[in-house]
Amino acid sequence: MISDFYTQTAVILNYSTSTGDYWSTSTGGHWDTEQSIKAAVNLLNSNERYIGDKNQLLADYKMYCAPTTILSQDSRVRWDGDTFDVVEIPKNTLQRDHHLRVLLRRRYV
C-alpha cells in the first residue's frame, strides 16, 4: 500500500487573510496550523536563480500524501525544520484516490 511509504511528518499551514502579509514566515495570526500529516518528501532539484535584484538558492521538492489532505496553492508545508511554498498540485493527481503529489519550493536567501 502506498501509505506505507509515508514515513515523515509534515505540517500543513493554511493562509488566513485576517492579518499579516503573504510572505511572512511567522505561523501566528495569518498562518494557521491546519493539520499534521504523514507524507513522503523528496528533493527534486536545487539551483541558483536571480529573483528581482537578489541571488537566491531555490530547492524544489515533491511531497506524496493521502488524497484526503486539505491544502491549496496558498498553503505552506513545514517539514524537517524548513517551511516550503506549495508551488503546484497537479490536476491529474487530484483525480487519483490513492495519493496526492504536491510540488514544493524552499527559498534560501
PDB file of N, CA and C in Angstrom:
ATOM      1  N   MET A   1       0.847  -1.180   0.000  1.00  0.00           N
ATOM      2  CA  MET A   1       0.000   0.000   0.000  1.00  0.00           C
ATOM      3  C   MET A   1       0.898   1.251   0.000  1.00  0.00           C
ATOM      4  N   ILE A   2       0.510   2.262  -0.761  1.00  0.00           N
ATOM      5  CA  ILE A   2       1.336   3.459  -0.905  1.00  0.00           C
ATOM      6  C   ILE A   2       1.506   4.212   0.414  1.00  0.00           C
ATOM      7  N   SER A   3       0.539   4.146   1.291  1.00  0.00           N
ATOM      8  CA  SER A   3       0.644   4.862   2.562  1.00  0.00           C
ATOM      9  C   SER A   3       1.769   4.318   3.443  1.00  0.00           C
ATOM     10  N   ASP A   4       2.267   3.119   3.150  1.00  0.00           N
ATOM     11  CA  ASP A   4       3.404   2.567   3.892  1.00  0.00           C
ATOM     12  C   ASP A   4       4.674   3.379   3.662  1.00  0.00           C
ATOM     13  N   PHE A   5       4.726   4.146   2.580  1.00  0.00           N
ATOM     14  CA  PHE A   5       5.887   4.972   2.277  1.00  0.00           C
ATOM     15  C   PHE A   5       5.843   6.336   2.967  1.00  0.00           C
ATOM     16  N   TYR A   6       4.720   6.667   3.592  1.00  0.00           N
ATOM     17  CA  TYR A   6       4.583   7.955   4.283  1.00  0.00           C
ATOM     18  C   TYR A   6       5.217   7.844   5.664  1.00  0.00           C
ATOM     19  N   THR A   7       6.528   7.980   5.722  1.00  0.00           N
ATOM     20  CA  THR A   7       7.261   7.781   6.979  1.00  0.00           C
ATOM     21  C   THR A   7       7.674   9.093   7.635  1.00  0.00           C
ATOM     22  N   GLN A   8       7.394  10.220   6.999  1.00  0.00           N
ATOM     23  CA  GLN A   8       7.795  11.523   7.528  1.00  0.00           C
ATOM     24  C   GLN A   8       6.555  12.291   7.971  1.00  0.00           C
ATOM     25  N   THR A   9       6.746  13.224   8.901  1.00  0.00           N
ATOM     26  CA  THR A   9       5.648  14.060   9.372  1.00  0.00           C
ATOM     27  C   THR A   9       5.803  15.464   8.802  1.00  0.00           C
ATOM     28  N   ALA A  10       4.739  15.988   8.231  1.00  0.00           N
ATOM     29  CA  ALA A  10       4.712  17.351   7.699  1.00  0.00           C
ATOM     30  C   ALA A  10       3.521  18.079   8.319  1.00  0.00           C
ATOM     31  N   VAL A  11       3.649  19.402   8.427  1.00  0.00           N
ATOM     32  CA  VAL A  11       2.562  20.216   8.969  1.00  0.00           C
ATOM     33  C   VAL A  11       2.077  21.142   7.857  1.00  0.00           C
ATOM     34  N   ILE A  12       0.780  21.106   7.591  1.00  0.00           N
ATOM     35  CA  ILE A  12       0.178  21.962   6.578  1.00  0.00           C
ATOM     36  C   ILE A  12      -0.222  23.277   7.235  1.00  0.00           C
ATOM     37  N   LEU A  13       0.238  24.394   6.666  1.00  0.00           N
ATOM     38  CA  LEU A  13      -0.105  25.726   7.157  1.00  0.00           C
ATOM     39  C   LEU A  13      -0.975  26.404   6.102  1.00  0.00           C
ATOM     40  N   ASN A  14      -2.177  26.800   6.479  1.00  0.00           N
ATOM     41  CA  ASN A  14      -3.067  27.464   5.537  1.00  0.00           C
ATOM     42  C   ASN A  14      -3.091  28.951   5.798  1.00  0.00           C
ATOM     43  N   TYR A  15      -3.196  29.719   4.741  1.00  0.00           N
ATOM     44  CA  TYR A  15      -3.160  31.176   4.793  1.00  0.00           C
ATOM     45  C   TYR A  15      -4.516  31.728   5.183  1.00  0.00           C
ATOM     46  N   SER A  16      -4.511  32.629   6.148  1.00  0.00           N
ATOM     47  CA  SER A  16      -5.722  33.317   6.562  1.00  0.00           C
ATOM     48  C   SER A  16      -5.545  34.795   6.261  1.00  0.00           C
ATOM     49  N   THR A  17      -6.546  35.425   5.690  1.00  0.00           N
ATOM     50  CA  THR A  17      -6.431  36.826   5.300  1.00  0.00           C
ATOM     51  C   THR A  17      -6.671  37.785   6.456  1.00  0.00           C
ATOM     52  N   SER A  18      -6.764  37.272   7.671  1.00  0.00           N
ATOM     53  CA  SER A  18      -7.104  38.135   8.796  1.00  0.00           C
ATOM     54  C   SER A  18      -6.035  39.175   9.105  1.00  0.00           C
ATOM     55  N   THR A  19      -4.749  38.793   9.185  1.00  0.00           N
ATOM     56  CA  THR A  19      -3.687  39.745   9.499  1.00  0.00           C
ATOM     57  C   THR A  19      -2.411  39.360   8.778  1.00  0.00           C
ATOM     58  N   GLY A  20      -1.458  40.287   8.726  1.00  0.00           N
ATOM     59  CA  GLY A  20      -0.128  39.987   8.194  1.00  0.00           C
ATOM     60  C   GLY A  20      -0.088  39.965   6.681  1.00  0.00           C
ATOM     61  N   ASP A  21       1.130  39.784   6.157  1.00  0.00           N
ATOM     62  CA  ASP A  21       1.295  39.725   4.718  1.00  0.00           C
ATOM     63  C   ASP A  21       1.618  38.303   4.299  1.00  0.00           C
ATOM     64  N   TYR A  22       1.452  38.022   3.031  1.00  0.00           N
ATOM     65  CA  TYR A  22       1.572  36.668   2.496  1.00  0.00           C
ATOM     66  C   TYR A  22       2.939  36.037   2.723  1.00  0.00           C
ATOM     67  N   TRP A  23       4.017  36.818   2.633  1.00  0.00           N
ATOM     68  CA  TRP A  23       5.361  36.236   2.650  1.00  0.00           C
ATOM     69  C   TRP A  23       5.972  36.142   4.032  1.00  0.00           C
ATOM     70  N   SER A  24       5.245  36.460   5.074  1.00  0.00           N
ATOM     71  CA  SER A  24       5.763  36.337   6.432  1.00  0.00           C
ATOM     72  C   SER A  24       6.043  34.872   6.750  1.00  0.00           C
ATOM     73  N   THR A  25       7.114  34.612   7.492  1.00  0.00           N
ATOM     74  CA  THR A  25       7.425  33.232   7.878  1.00  0.00           C
ATOM     75  C   THR A  25       6.813  32.876   9.226  1.00  0.00           C
ATOM     76  N   SER A  26       6.156  33.823   9.851  1.00  0.00           N
ATOM     77  CA  SER A  26       5.518  33.584  11.145  1.00  0.00           C
ATOM     78  C   SER A  26       4.295  32.694  10.967  1.00  0.00           C
ATOM     79  N   THR A  27       4.054  31.812  11.936  1.00  0.00           N
ATOM     80  CA  THR A  27       2.852  30.983  11.879  1.00  0.00           C
ATOM     81  C   THR A  27       1.748  31.586  12.734  1.00  0.00           C
ATOM     82  N   GLY A  28       1.994  32.694  13.416  1.00  0.00           N
ATOM     83  CA  GLY A  28       0.988  33.317  14.257  1.00  0.00           C
ATOM     84  C   GLY A  28       0.136  34.286  13.471  1.00  0.00           C
ATOM     85  N   GLY A  29      -1.145  34.323  13.757  1.00  0.00           N
ATOM     86  CA  GLY A  29      -2.025  35.303  13.147  1.00  0.00           C
ATOM     87  C   GLY A  29      -2.550  34.898  11.789  1.00  0.00           C
ATOM     88  N   HIS A  30      -1.739  34.876  10.783  1.00  0.00           N
ATOM     89  CA  HIS A  30      -2.247  34.629   9.442  1.00  0.00           C
ATOM     90  C   HIS A  30      -1.824  33.287   8.836  1.00  0.00           C
ATOM     91  N   TRP A  31      -0.901  32.590   9.438  1.00  0.00           N
ATOM     92  CA  TRP A  31      -0.589  31.220   9.005  1.00  0.00           C
ATOM     93  C   TRP A  31      -1.038  30.295  10.123  1.00  0.00           C
ATOM     94  N   ASP A  32      -2.088  29.560   9.879  1.00  0.00           N
ATOM     95  CA  ASP A  32      -2.663  28.692  10.895  1.00  0.00           C
ATOM     96  C   ASP A  32      -2.208  27.256  10.661  1.00  0.00           C
ATOM     97  N   THR A  33      -1.860  26.577  11.737  1.00  0.00           N
ATOM     98  CA  THR A  33      -1.514  25.165  11.615  1.00  0.00           C
ATOM     99  C   THR A  33      -2.804  24.386  11.418  1.00  0.00           C
ATOM    100  N   GLU A  34      -2.974  23.876  10.222  1.00  0.00           N
ATOM    101  CA  GLU A  34      -4.216  23.186   9.868  1.00  0.00           C
ATOM    102  C   GLU A  34      -4.170  21.726  10.299  1.00  0.00           C
ATOM    103  N   GLN A  35      -3.098  21.040   9.913  1.00  0.00           N
ATOM    104  CA  GLN A  35      -3.048  19.613  10.218  1.00  0.00           C
ATOM    105  C   GLN A  35      -1.631  19.078  10.129  1.00  0.00           C
ATOM    106  N   SER A  36      -1.382  18.078  10.927  1.00  0.00           N
ATOM    107  CA  SER A  36      -0.122  17.341  10.870  1.00  0.00           C
ATOM    108  C   SER A  36      -0.419  16.051  10.105  1.00  0.00           C
ATOM    109  N   ILE A  37       0.390  15.762   9.098  1.00  0.00           N
ATOM    110  CA  ILE A  37       0.116  14.602   8.243  1.00  0.00           C
ATOM    111  C   ILE A  37       1.349  13.724   8.106  1.00  0.00           C
ATOM    112  N   LYS A  38       1.137  12.507   7.677  1.00  0.00           N
ATOM    113  CA  LYS A  38       2.219  11.607   7.289  1.00  0.00           C
ATOM    114  C   LYS A  38       2.431  11.758   5.789  1.00  0.00           C
ATOM    115  N   ALA A  39       3.692  11.850   5.372  1.00  0.00           N
ATOM    116  CA  ALA A  39       3.998  12.095   3.966  1.00  0.00           C
ATOM    117  C   ALA A  39       5.351  11.496   3.613  1.00  0.00           C
ATOM    118  N   ALA A  40       5.645  11.516   2.330  1.00  0.00           N
ATOM    119  CA  ALA A  40       6.977  11.190   1.808  1.00  0.00           C
ATOM    120  C   ALA A  40       7.450  12.419   1.054  1.00  0.00           C
ATOM    121  N   VAL A  41       8.567  13.013   1.490  1.00  0.00           N
ATOM    122  CA  VAL A  41       9.085  14.238   0.885  1.00  0.00           C
ATOM    123  C   VAL A  41      10.469  13.953   0.310  1.00  0.00           C
ATOM    124  N   ASN A  42      10.694  14.368  -0.949  1.00  0.00           N
ATOM    125  CA  ASN A  42      11.965  14.111  -1.626  1.00  0.00           C
ATOM    126  C   ASN A  42      12.431  15.354  -2.371  1.00  0.00           C
ATOM    127  N   LEU A  43      13.745  15.561  -2.404  1.00  0.00           N
ATOM    128  CA  LEU A  43      14.337  16.657  -3.173  1.00  0.00           C
ATOM    129  C   LEU A  43      14.260  16.332  -4.656  1.00  0.00           C
ATOM    130  N   LEU A  44      13.775  17.289  -5.462  1.00  0.00           N
ATOM    131  CA  LEU A  44      13.778  17.142  -6.924  1.00  0.00           C
ATOM    132  C   LEU A  44      15.041  17.750  -7.516  1.00  0.00           C
ATOM    133  N   ASN A  45      15.299  19.044  -7.192  1.00  0.00           N
ATOM    134  CA  ASN A  45      16.493  19.722  -7.696  1.00  0.00           C
ATOM    135  C   ASN A  45      16.702  21.016  -6.927  1.00  0.00           C
ATOM    136  N   SER A  46      17.883  21.574  -7.077  1.00  0.00           N
ATOM    137  CA  SER A  46      18.152  22.891  -6.496  1.00  0.00           C
ATOM    138  C   SER A  46      19.049  23.645  -7.468  1.00  0.00           C
ATOM    139  N   ASN A  47      18.853  24.950  -7.517  1.00  0.00           N
ATOM    140  CA  ASN A  47      19.684  25.769  -8.391  1.00  0.00           C
ATOM    141  C   ASN A  47      19.653  27.211  -7.926  1.00  0.00           C
ATOM    142  N   GLU A  48      20.551  27.994  -8.481  1.00  0.00           N
ATOM    143  CA  GLU A  48      20.680  29.397  -8.133  1.00  0.00           C
ATOM    144  C   GLU A  48      19.934  30.223  -9.174  1.00  0.00           C
ATOM    145  N   ARG A  49      19.079  31.141  -8.715  1.00  0.00           N
ATOM    146  CA  ARG A  49      18.313  31.975  -9.632  1.00  0.00           C
ATOM    147  C   ARG A  49      18.337  33.413  -9.144  1.00  0.00           C
ATOM    148  N   TYR A  50      18.232  34.330 -10.065  1.00  0.00           N
ATOM    149  CA  TYR A  50      18.080  35.737  -9.714  1.00  0.00           C
ATOM    150  C   TYR A  50      16.594  36.058  -9.670  1.00  0.00           C
ATOM    151  N   ILE A  51      16.139  36.550  -8.555  1.00  0.00           N
ATOM    152  CA  ILE A  51      14.754  36.976  -8.403  1.00  0.00           C
ATOM    153  C   ILE A  51      14.807  38.435  -7.988  1.00  0.00           C
ATOM    154  N   GLY A  52      14.317  39.315  -8.855  1.00  0.00           N
ATOM    155  CA  GLY A  52      14.459  40.747  -8.614  1.00  0.00           C
ATOM    156  C   GLY A  52      15.934  41.097  -8.705  1.00  0.00           C
ATOM    157  N   ASP A  53      16.465  41.701  -7.679  1.00  0.00           N
ATOM    158  CA  ASP A  53      17.889  42.042  -7.668  1.00  0.00           C
ATOM    159  C   ASP A  53      18.674  41.140  -6.715  1.00  0.00           C
ATOM    160  N   LYS A  54      18.046  40.052  -6.278  1.00  0.00           N
ATOM    161  CA  LYS A  54      18.702  39.164  -5.318  1.00  0.00           C
ATOM    162  C   LYS A  54      19.008  37.813  -5.952  1.00  0.00           C
ATOM    163  N   ASN A  55      20.123  37.266  -5.543  1.00  0.00           N
ATOM    164  CA  ASN A  55      20.501  35.931  -5.953  1.00  0.00           C
ATOM    165  C   ASN A  55      20.007  34.976  -4.870  1.00  0.00           C
ATOM    166  N   GLN A  56      19.173  34.012  -5.237  1.00  0.00           N
ATOM    167  CA  GLN A  56      18.621  33.083  -4.268  1.00  0.00           C
ATOM    168  C   GLN A  56      18.872  31.653  -4.708  1.00  0.00           C
ATOM    169  N   LEU A  57      18.997  30.793  -3.723  1.00  0.00           N
ATOM    170  CA  LEU A  57      19.054  29.368  -3.991  1.00  0.00           C
ATOM    171  C   LEU A  57      17.656  28.824  -3.758  1.00  0.00           C
ATOM    172  N   LEU A  58      17.092  28.199  -4.776  1.00  0.00           N
ATOM    173  CA  LEU A  58      15.769  27.616  -4.675  1.00  0.00           C
ATOM    174  C   LEU A  58      15.899  26.105  -4.769  1.00  0.00           C
ATOM    175  N   ALA A  59      15.215  25.415  -3.895  1.00  0.00           N
ATOM    176  CA  ALA A  59      15.223  23.961  -3.922  1.00  0.00           C
ATOM    177  C   ALA A  59      13.794  23.470  -4.116  1.00  0.00           C
ATOM    178  N   ASP A  60      13.588  22.620  -5.104  1.00  0.00           N
ATOM    179  CA  ASP A  60      12.265  22.073  -5.389  1.00  0.00           C
ATOM    180  C   ASP A  60      12.158  20.668  -4.817  1.00  0.00           C
ATOM    181  N   TYR A  61      11.039  20.407  -4.183  1.00  0.00           N
ATOM    182  CA  TYR A  61      10.765  19.118  -3.560  1.00  0.00           C
ATOM    183  C   TYR A  61       9.428  18.599  -4.065  1.00  0.00           C
ATOM    184  N   LYS A  62       9.202  17.302  -3.902  1.00  0.00           N
ATOM    185  CA  LYS A  62       7.877  16.752  -4.139  1.00  0.00           C
ATOM    186  C   LYS A  62       7.448  16.037  -2.868  1.00  0.00           C
ATOM    187  N   MET A  63       6.165  16.139  -2.585  1.00  0.00           N
ATOM    188  CA  MET A  63       5.602  15.508  -1.403  1.00  0.00           C
ATOM    189  C   MET A  63       4.440  14.630  -1.839  1.00  0.00           C
ATOM    190  N   TYR A  64       4.443  13.400  -1.378  1.00  0.00           N
ATOM    191  CA  TYR A  64       3.331  12.490  -1.594  1.00  0.00           C
ATOM    192  C   TYR A  64       2.594  12.356  -0.268  1.00  0.00           C
ATOM    193  N   CYS A  65       1.266  12.452  -0.320  1.00  0.00           N
ATOM    194  CA  CYS A  65       0.475  12.339   0.902  1.00  0.00           C
ATOM    195  C   CYS A  65      -0.897  11.764   0.558  1.00  0.00           C
ATOM    196  N   ALA A  66      -1.702  11.533   1.588  1.00  0.00           N
ATOM    197  CA  ALA A  66      -3.029  10.953   1.406  1.00  0.00           C
ATOM    198  C   ALA A  66      -3.929  11.896   0.601  1.00  0.00           C
ATOM    199  N   PRO A  67      -4.832  11.354  -0.205  1.00  0.00           N
ATOM    200  CA  PRO A  67      -5.714  12.188  -1.023  1.00  0.00           C
ATOM    201  C   PRO A  67      -6.702  13.003  -0.194  1.00  0.00           C
ATOM    202  N   THR A  68      -6.852  12.694   1.065  1.00  0.00           N
ATOM    203  CA  THR A  68      -7.770  13.432   1.936  1.00  0.00           C
ATOM    204  C   THR A  68      -7.123  14.669   2.552  1.00  0.00           C
ATOM    205  N   THR A  69      -5.833  14.911   2.272  1.00  0.00           N
ATOM    206  CA  THR A  69      -5.128  16.074   2.797  1.00  0.00           C
ATOM    207  C   THR A  69      -5.731  17.348   2.225  1.00  0.00           C
ATOM    208  N   ILE A  70      -6.014  18.314   3.112  1.00  0.00           N
ATOM    209  CA  ILE A  70      -6.612  19.575   2.692  1.00  0.00           C
ATOM    210  C   ILE A  70      -5.516  20.623   2.569  1.00  0.00           C
ATOM    211  N   LEU A  71      -5.244  21.057   1.335  1.00  0.00           N
ATOM    212  CA  LEU A  71      -4.282  22.122   1.087  1.00  0.00           C
ATOM    213  C   LEU A  71      -4.578  22.764  -0.255  1.00  0.00           C
ATOM    214  N   SER A  72      -3.996  23.947  -0.456  1.00  0.00           N
ATOM    215  CA  SER A  72      -4.184  24.674  -1.712  1.00  0.00           C
ATOM    216  C   SER A  72      -2.856  25.298  -2.102  1.00  0.00           C
ATOM    217  N   GLN A  73      -2.830  26.025  -3.203  1.00  0.00           N
ATOM    218  CA  GLN A  73      -1.598  26.680  -3.632  1.00  0.00           C
ATOM    219  C   GLN A  73      -1.245  27.850  -2.735  1.00  0.00           C
ATOM    220  N   ASP A  74      -2.151  28.274  -1.862  1.00  0.00           N
ATOM    221  CA  ASP A  74      -1.846  29.301  -0.869  1.00  0.00           C
ATOM    222  C   ASP A  74      -1.275  28.705   0.410  1.00  0.00           C
ATOM    223  N   SER A  75      -1.221  27.391   0.502  1.00  0.00           N
ATOM    224  CA  SER A  75      -0.728  26.722   1.705  1.00  0.00           C
ATOM    225  C   SER A  75       0.789  26.711   1.746  1.00  0.00           C
ATOM    226  N   ARG A  76       1.299  26.452   2.908  1.00  0.00           N
ATOM    227  CA  ARG A  76       2.719  26.170   3.091  1.00  0.00           C
ATOM    228  C   ARG A  76       2.846  24.841   3.819  1.00  0.00           C
ATOM    229  N   VAL A  77       4.021  24.241   3.700  1.00  0.00           N
ATOM    230  CA  VAL A  77       4.283  22.968   4.360  1.00  0.00           C
ATOM    231  C   VAL A  77       5.533  23.127   5.200  1.00  0.00           C
ATOM    232  N   ARG A  78       5.454  22.745   6.457  1.00  0.00           N
ATOM    233  CA  ARG A  78       6.629  22.737   7.314  1.00  0.00           C
ATOM    234  C   ARG A  78       7.075  21.284   7.466  1.00  0.00           C
ATOM    235  N   TRP A  79       8.346  21.044   7.097  1.00  0.00           N
ATOM    236  CA  TRP A  79       8.902  19.692   7.158  1.00  0.00           C
ATOM    237  C   TRP A  79      10.391  19.785   7.471  1.00  0.00           C
ATOM    238  N   ASP A  80      10.852  18.964   8.354  1.00  0.00           N
ATOM    239  CA  ASP A  80      12.272  18.852   8.689  1.00  0.00           C
ATOM    240  C   ASP A  80      12.888  20.204   9.071  1.00  0.00           C
ATOM    241  N   GLY A  81      12.102  21.044   9.775  1.00  0.00           N
ATOM    242  CA  GLY A  81      12.610  22.322  10.256  1.00  0.00           C
ATOM    243  C   GLY A  81      12.568  23.456   9.252  1.00  0.00           C
ATOM    244  N   ASP A  82      12.118  23.211   8.031  1.00  0.00           N
ATOM    245  CA  ASP A  82      12.032  24.238   6.993  1.00  0.00           C
ATOM    246  C   ASP A  82      10.576  24.461   6.590  1.00  0.00           C
ATOM    247  N   THR A  83      10.311  25.635   6.029  1.00  0.00           N
ATOM    248  CA  THR A  83       8.976  25.952   5.523  1.00  0.00           C
ATOM    249  C   THR A  83       9.041  26.063   4.009  1.00  0.00           C
ATOM    250  N   PHE A  84       8.104  25.416   3.337  1.00  0.00           N
ATOM    251  CA  PHE A  84       8.061  25.334   1.881  1.00  0.00           C
ATOM    252  C   PHE A  84       6.782  25.969   1.347  1.00  0.00           C
ATOM    253  N   ASP A  85       6.881  26.614   0.184  1.00  0.00           N
ATOM    254  CA  ASP A  85       5.701  27.106  -0.529  1.00  0.00           C
ATOM    255  C   ASP A  85       5.135  25.956  -1.359  1.00  0.00           C
ATOM    256  N   VAL A  86       3.819  25.859  -1.425  1.00  0.00           N
ATOM    257  CA  VAL A  86       3.186  24.920  -2.349  1.00  0.00           C
ATOM    258  C   VAL A  86       3.222  25.574  -3.721  1.00  0.00           C
ATOM    259  N   VAL A  87       3.925  24.960  -4.660  1.00  0.00           N
ATOM    260  CA  VAL A  87       4.080  25.502  -5.999  1.00  0.00           C
ATOM    261  C   VAL A  87       2.979  24.994  -6.919  1.00  0.00           C
ATOM    262  N   GLU A  88       2.676  23.717  -6.799  1.00  0.00           N
ATOM    263  CA  GLU A  88       1.700  23.129  -7.711  1.00  0.00           C
ATOM    264  C   GLU A  88       1.123  21.859  -7.111  1.00  0.00           C
ATOM    265  N   ILE A  89      -0.161  21.684  -7.340  1.00  0.00           N
ATOM    266  CA  ILE A  89      -0.833  20.414  -7.055  1.00  0.00           C
ATOM    267  C   ILE A  89      -1.369  19.961  -8.413  1.00  0.00           C
ATOM    268  N   PRO A  90      -0.631  19.110  -9.123  1.00  0.00           N
ATOM    269  CA  PRO A  90      -1.041  18.740 -10.479  1.00  0.00           C
ATOM    270  C   PRO A  90      -2.465  18.203 -10.525  1.00  0.00           C
ATOM    271  N   LYS A  91      -3.218  18.654 -11.520  1.00  0.00           N
ATOM    272  CA  LYS A  91      -4.620  18.276 -11.626  1.00  0.00           C
ATOM    273  C   LYS A  91      -4.808  16.769 -11.770  1.00  0.00           C
ATOM    274  N   ASN A  92      -3.887  16.099 -12.477  1.00  0.00           N
ATOM    275  CA  ASN A  92      -4.059  14.666 -12.661  1.00  0.00           C
ATOM    276  C   ASN A  92      -3.932  13.902 -11.343  1.00  0.00           C
ATOM    277  N   THR A  93      -3.259  14.485 -10.368  1.00  0.00           N
ATOM    278  CA  THR A  93      -3.127  13.816  -9.086  1.00  0.00           C
ATOM    279  C   THR A  93      -4.392  13.974  -8.243  1.00  0.00           C
ATOM    280  N   LEU A  94      -5.189  15.010  -8.516  1.00  0.00           N
ATOM    281  CA  LEU A  94      -6.440  15.209  -7.779  1.00  0.00           C
ATOM    282  C   LEU A  94      -7.484  14.162  -8.136  1.00  0.00           C
ATOM    283  N   GLN A  95      -7.349  13.524  -9.300  1.00  0.00           N
ATOM    284  CA  GLN A  95      -8.309  12.523  -9.736  1.00  0.00           C
ATOM    285  C   GLN A  95      -7.982  11.133  -9.199  1.00  0.00           C
ATOM    286  N   ARG A  96      -6.819  10.983  -8.615  1.00  0.00           N
ATOM    287  CA  ARG A  96      -6.432   9.682  -8.062  1.00  0.00           C
ATOM    288  C   ARG A  96      -7.018   9.542  -6.663  1.00  0.00           C
ATOM    289  N   ASP A  97      -7.356   8.342  -6.307  1.00  0.00           N
ATOM    290  CA  ASP A  97      -7.909   8.152  -4.972  1.00  0.00           C
ATOM    291  C   ASP A  97      -6.904   7.547  -3.998  1.00  0.00           C
ATOM    292  N   HIS A  98      -5.635   7.401  -4.415  1.00  0.00           N
ATOM    293  CA  HIS A  98      -4.664   6.777  -3.518  1.00  0.00           C
ATOM    294  C   HIS A  98      -3.566   7.709  -3.029  1.00  0.00           C
ATOM    295  N   HIS A  99      -3.332   8.870  -3.679  1.00  0.00           N
ATOM    296  CA  HIS A  99      -2.320   9.810  -3.181  1.00  0.00           C
ATOM    297  C   HIS A  99      -2.424  11.164  -3.869  1.00  0.00           C
ATOM    298  N   LEU A 100      -1.840  12.176  -3.234  1.00  0.00           N
ATOM    299  CA  LEU A 100      -1.625  13.486  -3.851  1.00  0.00           C
ATOM    300  C   LEU A 100      -0.130  13.658  -4.059  1.00  0.00           C
ATOM    301  N   ARG A 101       0.252  14.236  -5.177  1.00  0.00           N
ATOM    302  CA  ARG A 101       1.641  14.615  -5.401  1.00  0.00           C
ATOM    303  C   ARG A 101       1.665  16.140  -5.413  1.00  0.00           C
ATOM    304  N   VAL A 102       2.430  16.727  -4.493  1.00  0.00           N
ATOM    305  CA  VAL A 102       2.464  18.174  -4.318  1.00  0.00           C
ATOM    306  C   VAL A 102       3.886  18.656  -4.580  1.00  0.00           C
ATOM    307  N   LEU A 103       4.044  19.673  -5.419  1.00  0.00           N
ATOM    308  CA  LEU A 103       5.365  20.240  -5.683  1.00  0.00           C
ATOM    309  C   LEU A 103       5.593  21.402  -4.728  1.00  0.00           C
ATOM    310  N   LEU A 104       6.746  21.394  -4.057  1.00  0.00           N
ATOM    311  CA  LEU A 104       7.092  22.375  -3.032  1.00  0.00           C
ATOM    312  C   LEU A 104       8.357  23.129  -3.422  1.00  0.00           C
ATOM    313  N   ARG A 105       8.535  24.331  -2.884  1.00  0.00           N
ATOM    314  CA  ARG A 105       9.759  25.096  -3.133  1.00  0.00           C
ATOM    315  C   ARG A 105      10.253  25.698  -1.816  1.00  0.00           C
ATOM    316  N   ARG A 106      11.538  25.527  -1.564  1.00  0.00           N
ATOM    317  CA  ARG A 106      12.202  26.107  -0.387  1.00  0.00           C
ATOM    318  C   ARG A 106      13.095  27.225  -0.883  1.00  0.00           C
ATOM    319  N   ARG A 107      12.977  28.405  -0.263  1.00  0.00           N
ATOM    320  CA  ARG A 107      13.792  29.567  -0.630  1.00  0.00           C
ATOM    321  C   ARG A 107      14.906  29.743   0.393  1.00  0.00           C
ATOM    322  N   TYR A 108      16.119  29.832  -0.081  1.00  0.00           N
ATOM    323  CA  TYR A 108      17.263  30.134   0.771  1.00  0.00           C
ATOM    324  C   TYR A 108      17.780  31.508   0.359  1.00  0.00           C
ATOM    325  N   VAL A 109      17.641  32.503   1.202  1.00  0.00           N
ATOM    326  CA  VAL A 109      18.023  33.868   0.843  1.00  0.00           C
ATOM    327  C   VAL A 109      19.432  34.137   1.334  1.00  0.00           C
TER     328      VAL A 109
END
